[in-house]
Every structure is written in C-alpha cells, then in structure tokens.
Amino acid sequence: MANQINVIKPYKWSGMWVFDDASVGLEKEPFVAGADTMIDMAIAAKKIADADNGFLAIFSKDPFPGADMVLTWVRAESSGNVYSWQGWEGWLCPALLRYFEKPPAEIHVQIKAAA
C-alpha cells in the first residue's frame, strides 16, 4: 500500500528540476512541460534559499496541516496528467502512478527548505 504522505527532494541537474526516489525506482526523474515553472514559482513565493541543491516536497492526495499548494487535475495528456495551480498548468509524467493508484483530483503539497 502506498504512503498517505510522500516526500521527495527535487534538485537542479543540468539546468533541470529532477528528483531521485530509489523506493519507487526513479533516478533523475525530470519535471517538464510547466511543472518546472510551477516549482520555480513556489520556491520564489516561499523564498527557499539554495533550492537548486535540493528542497523538500511533501505531498498527498488528501489535505494535511502545513500544505501550502493544491494542484488540481485538469486532464490526461500524453500518458501523463496535467494539473493546475494559480492559473498555471504543469504536466506530471506516468511516474505519478508510482505514488497513487490513479491520478488524484487534487495533490496537496508543502515545500520547504531541506535540512
């Protein structure tokens, strides 16, 4: 069974936002097609210093204390799913299904500096 709340640590690699998660078999999994722009916006809003070297993204399909973003499902596209936040759209690749049985209607996210 999947975790109720998941944590990844995105970082910049070769100019792209990526993350590793050995527990689900992912290495340098990139954020592209608008998801990268949404990360840039969230980091700027939260004023996370040194985010390029890694920050924490805590996420769940259900609301949780401290979540400061809600990504809303818009549509399936190119084997992935498009979510919106603050008028922006970002595509999440099929790796999303390593964390959820099906694309959730909402993804609640908290971002914060890595320790």
C-alpha atoms as a PDB file:
ATOM      1  CA  MET A   1       0.000   0.000   0.000  1.00  0.00           C
ATOM      2  CA  ALA A   2       1.246   3.498  -0.829  1.00  0.00           C
ATOM      3  CA  ASN A   3       2.151   6.046   1.798  1.00  0.00           C
ATOM      4  CA  GLN A   4      -0.510   8.562   2.772  1.00  0.00           C
ATOM      5  CA  ILE A   5       2.086  11.349   2.659  1.00  0.00           C
ATOM      6  CA  ASN A   6       5.120  11.185   0.381  1.00  0.00           C
ATOM      7  CA  VAL A   7       8.355  13.184   0.384  1.00  0.00           C
ATOM      8  CA  ILE A   8      10.749  13.830  -2.472  1.00  0.00           C
ATOM      9  CA  LYS A   9      13.776  16.090  -2.678  1.00  0.00           C
ATOM     10  CA  PRO A  10      13.876  17.866  -6.052  1.00  0.00           C
ATOM     11  CA  TYR A  11      17.151  19.479  -7.109  1.00  0.00           C
ATOM     12  CA  LYS A  12      18.674  21.041 -10.214  1.00  0.00           C
ATOM     13  CA  TRP A  13      20.709  18.792 -12.504  1.00  0.00           C
ATOM     14  CA  SER A  14      21.980  20.086 -15.838  1.00  0.00           C
ATOM     15  CA  GLY A  15      19.599  23.035 -15.503  1.00  0.00           C
ATOM     16  CA  MET A  16      16.501  20.896 -14.945  1.00  0.00           C
ATOM     17  CA  TRP A  17      14.458  20.090 -11.866  1.00  0.00           C
ATOM     18  CA  VAL A  18      14.767  16.359 -11.148  1.00  0.00           C
ATOM     19  CA  PHE A  19      14.367  14.012  -8.195  1.00  0.00           C
ATOM     20  CA  ASP A  20      15.513  10.575  -7.115  1.00  0.00           C
ATOM     21  CA  ASP A  21      13.403   8.054  -5.234  1.00  0.00           C
ATOM     22  CA  ALA A  22      15.005   4.624  -5.012  1.00  0.00           C
ATOM     23  CA  SER A  23      11.943   3.268  -3.180  1.00  0.00           C
ATOM     24  CA  VAL A  24       9.912   3.529  -6.416  1.00  0.00           C
ATOM     25  CA  GLY A  25      12.783   3.033  -8.865  1.00  0.00           C
ATOM     26  CA  LEU A  26      13.294   6.622 -10.044  1.00  0.00           C
ATOM     27  CA  GLU A  27      16.584   8.407 -10.679  1.00  0.00           C
ATOM     28  CA  LYS A  28      16.894  11.943 -12.055  1.00  0.00           C
ATOM     29  CA  GLU A  29      13.180  11.917 -12.924  1.00  0.00           C
ATOM     30  CA  PRO A  30      12.602  15.327 -14.569  1.00  0.00           C
ATOM     31  CA  PHE A  31       9.844  17.872 -14.093  1.00  0.00           C
ATOM     32  CA  VAL A  32       8.945  19.283 -17.525  1.00  0.00           C
ATOM     33  CA  ALA A  33       6.121  20.902 -19.504  1.00  0.00           C
ATOM     34  CA  GLY A  34       5.149  23.556 -16.986  1.00  0.00           C
ATOM     35  CA  ALA A  35       5.734  21.552 -13.798  1.00  0.00           C
ATOM     36  CA  ASP A  36       9.229  23.051 -13.730  1.00  0.00           C
ATOM     37  CA  THR A  37       7.785  26.571 -13.939  1.00  0.00           C
ATOM     38  CA  MET A  38       5.375  25.812 -11.097  1.00  0.00           C
ATOM     39  CA  ILE A  39       8.347  24.709  -8.970  1.00  0.00           C
ATOM     40  CA  ASP A  40      10.175  27.956  -9.755  1.00  0.00           C
ATOM     41  CA  MET A  41       7.079  29.959  -8.724  1.00  0.00           C
ATOM     42  CA  ALA A  42       6.574  28.028  -5.484  1.00  0.00           C
ATOM     43  CA  ILE A  43      10.231  28.391  -4.485  1.00  0.00           C
ATOM     44  CA  ALA A  44      10.130  32.121  -5.156  1.00  0.00           C
ATOM     45  CA  ALA A  45       6.910  32.508  -3.149  1.00  0.00           C
ATOM     46  CA  LYS A  46       8.351  30.592  -0.186  1.00  0.00           C
ATOM     47  CA  LYS A  47      11.780  32.287  -0.529  1.00  0.00           C
ATOM     48  CA  ILE A  48      13.631  28.979  -0.235  1.00  0.00           C
ATOM     49  CA  ALA A  49      17.347  29.676  -0.251  1.00  0.00           C
ATOM     50  CA  ASP A  50      19.700  27.345  -2.133  1.00  0.00           C
ATOM     51  CA  ALA A  51      16.766  25.369  -3.574  1.00  0.00           C
ATOM     52  CA  ASP A  52      18.880  24.335  -6.578  1.00  0.00           C
ATOM     53  CA  ASN A  53      20.765  21.991  -4.237  1.00  0.00           C
ATOM     54  CA  GLY A  54      17.526  20.421  -3.037  1.00  0.00           C
ATOM     55  CA  PHE A  55      14.323  21.220  -1.191  1.00  0.00           C
ATOM     56  CA  LEU A  56      11.600  19.024   0.277  1.00  0.00           C
ATOM     57  CA  ALA A  57       8.288  18.491  -1.471  1.00  0.00           C
ATOM     58  CA  ILE A  58       5.786  16.767   0.799  1.00  0.00           C
ATOM     59  CA  PHE A  59       2.615  15.659  -1.000  1.00  0.00           C
ATOM     60  CA  SER A  60      -0.629  13.759  -0.563  1.00  0.00           C
ATOM     61  CA  LYS A  61      -3.954  13.314  -2.318  1.00  0.00           C
ATOM     62  CA  ASP A  62      -5.582  14.455   0.922  1.00  0.00           C
ATOM     63  CA  PRO A  63      -5.254  17.782   2.766  1.00  0.00           C
ATOM     64  CA  PHE A  64      -2.730  17.860   5.603  1.00  0.00           C
ATOM     65  CA  PRO A  65      -1.512  20.520   8.079  1.00  0.00           C
ATOM     66  CA  GLY A  66       1.145  22.756   6.537  1.00  0.00           C
ATOM     67  CA  ALA A  67       0.258  22.110   2.891  1.00  0.00           C
ATOM     68  CA  ASP A  68       0.549  25.383   1.004  1.00  0.00           C
ATOM     69  CA  MET A  69      -0.314  24.352  -2.558  1.00  0.00           C
ATOM     70  CA  VAL A  70      -3.201  22.464  -4.102  1.00  0.00           C
ATOM     71  CA  LEU A  71      -2.655  21.113  -7.597  1.00  0.00           C
ATOM     72  CA  THR A  72      -5.968  20.439  -9.337  1.00  0.00           C
ATOM     73  CA  TRP A  73      -6.351  17.760 -12.015  1.00  0.00           C
ATOM     74  CA  VAL A  74      -7.257  19.204 -15.415  1.00  0.00           C
ATOM     75  CA  ARG A  75      -6.889  16.410 -17.981  1.00  0.00           C
ATOM     76  CA  ALA A  76      -4.978  13.339 -19.083  1.00  0.00           C
ATOM     77  CA  GLU A  77      -2.397  14.104 -21.768  1.00  0.00           C
ATOM     78  CA  SER A  78       0.389  12.150 -23.494  1.00  0.00           C
ATOM     79  CA  SER A  79       0.341   9.244 -20.991  1.00  0.00           C
ATOM     80  CA  GLY A  80       0.604  11.721 -18.096  1.00  0.00           C
ATOM     81  CA  ASN A  81      -1.700  14.184 -16.369  1.00  0.00           C
ATOM     82  CA  VAL A  82      -2.000  17.960 -16.384  1.00  0.00           C
ATOM     83  CA  TYR A  83      -2.563  19.786 -13.097  1.00  0.00           C
ATOM     84  CA  SER A  84      -3.181  23.484 -12.492  1.00  0.00           C
ATOM     85  CA  TRP A  85      -2.039  25.838  -9.754  1.00  0.00           C
ATOM     86  CA  GLN A  86      -2.581  29.602  -9.616  1.00  0.00           C
ATOM     87  CA  GLY A  87      -3.585  29.733 -13.275  1.00  0.00           C
ATOM     88  CA  TRP A  88      -0.565  27.732 -14.475  1.00  0.00           C
ATOM     89  CA  GLU A  89      -0.626  24.224 -15.875  1.00  0.00           C
ATOM     90  CA  GLY A  90       2.039  21.569 -15.428  1.00  0.00           C
ATOM     91  CA  TRP A  91       2.281  18.060 -16.805  1.00  0.00           C
ATOM     92  CA  LEU A  92       3.143  15.190 -14.474  1.00  0.00           C
ATOM     93  CA  CYS A  93       4.508  12.107 -16.200  1.00  0.00           C
ATOM     94  CA  PRO A  94       3.372   8.499 -15.624  1.00  0.00           C
ATOM     95  CA  ALA A  95       5.765   8.296 -12.639  1.00  0.00           C
ATOM     96  CA  LEU A  96       2.864   9.887 -10.724  1.00  0.00           C
ATOM     97  CA  LEU A  97       1.335   6.404 -10.657  1.00  0.00           C
ATOM     98  CA  ARG A  98       4.251   5.141  -8.596  1.00  0.00           C
ATOM     99  CA  TYR A  99       2.738   7.176  -5.747  1.00  0.00           C
ATOM    100  CA  PHE A 100      -1.004   6.932  -6.464  1.00  0.00           C
ATOM    101  CA  GLU A 101      -3.196   4.127  -7.833  1.00  0.00           C
ATOM    102  CA  LYS A 102      -4.848   6.640 -10.156  1.00  0.00           C
ATOM    103  CA  PRO A 103      -4.281  10.366 -10.748  1.00  0.00           C
ATOM    104  CA  PRO A 104      -5.859  12.151  -7.781  1.00  0.00           C
ATOM    105  CA  ALA A 105      -8.318  15.006  -8.272  1.00  0.00           C
ATOM    106  CA  GLU A 106      -6.052  17.133  -6.064  1.00  0.00           C
ATOM    107  CA  ILE A 107      -2.475  16.914  -4.889  1.00  0.00           C
ATOM    108  CA  HIS A 108      -1.749  18.827  -1.690  1.00  0.00           C
ATOM    109  CA  VAL A 109       1.863  19.959  -1.455  1.00  0.00           C
ATOM    110  CA  GLN A 110       4.106  21.597   1.105  1.00  0.00           C
ATOM    111  CA  ILE A 111       7.533  22.768   0.048  1.00  0.00           C
ATOM    112  CA  LYS A 112      10.252  23.694   2.465  1.00  0.00           C
ATOM    113  CA  ALA A 113      13.984  24.013   2.738  1.00  0.00           C
ATOM    114  CA  ALA A 114      15.938  20.813   3.138  1.00  0.00           C
ATOM    115  CA  ALA A 115      17.759  20.494   6.446  1.00  0.00           C
END
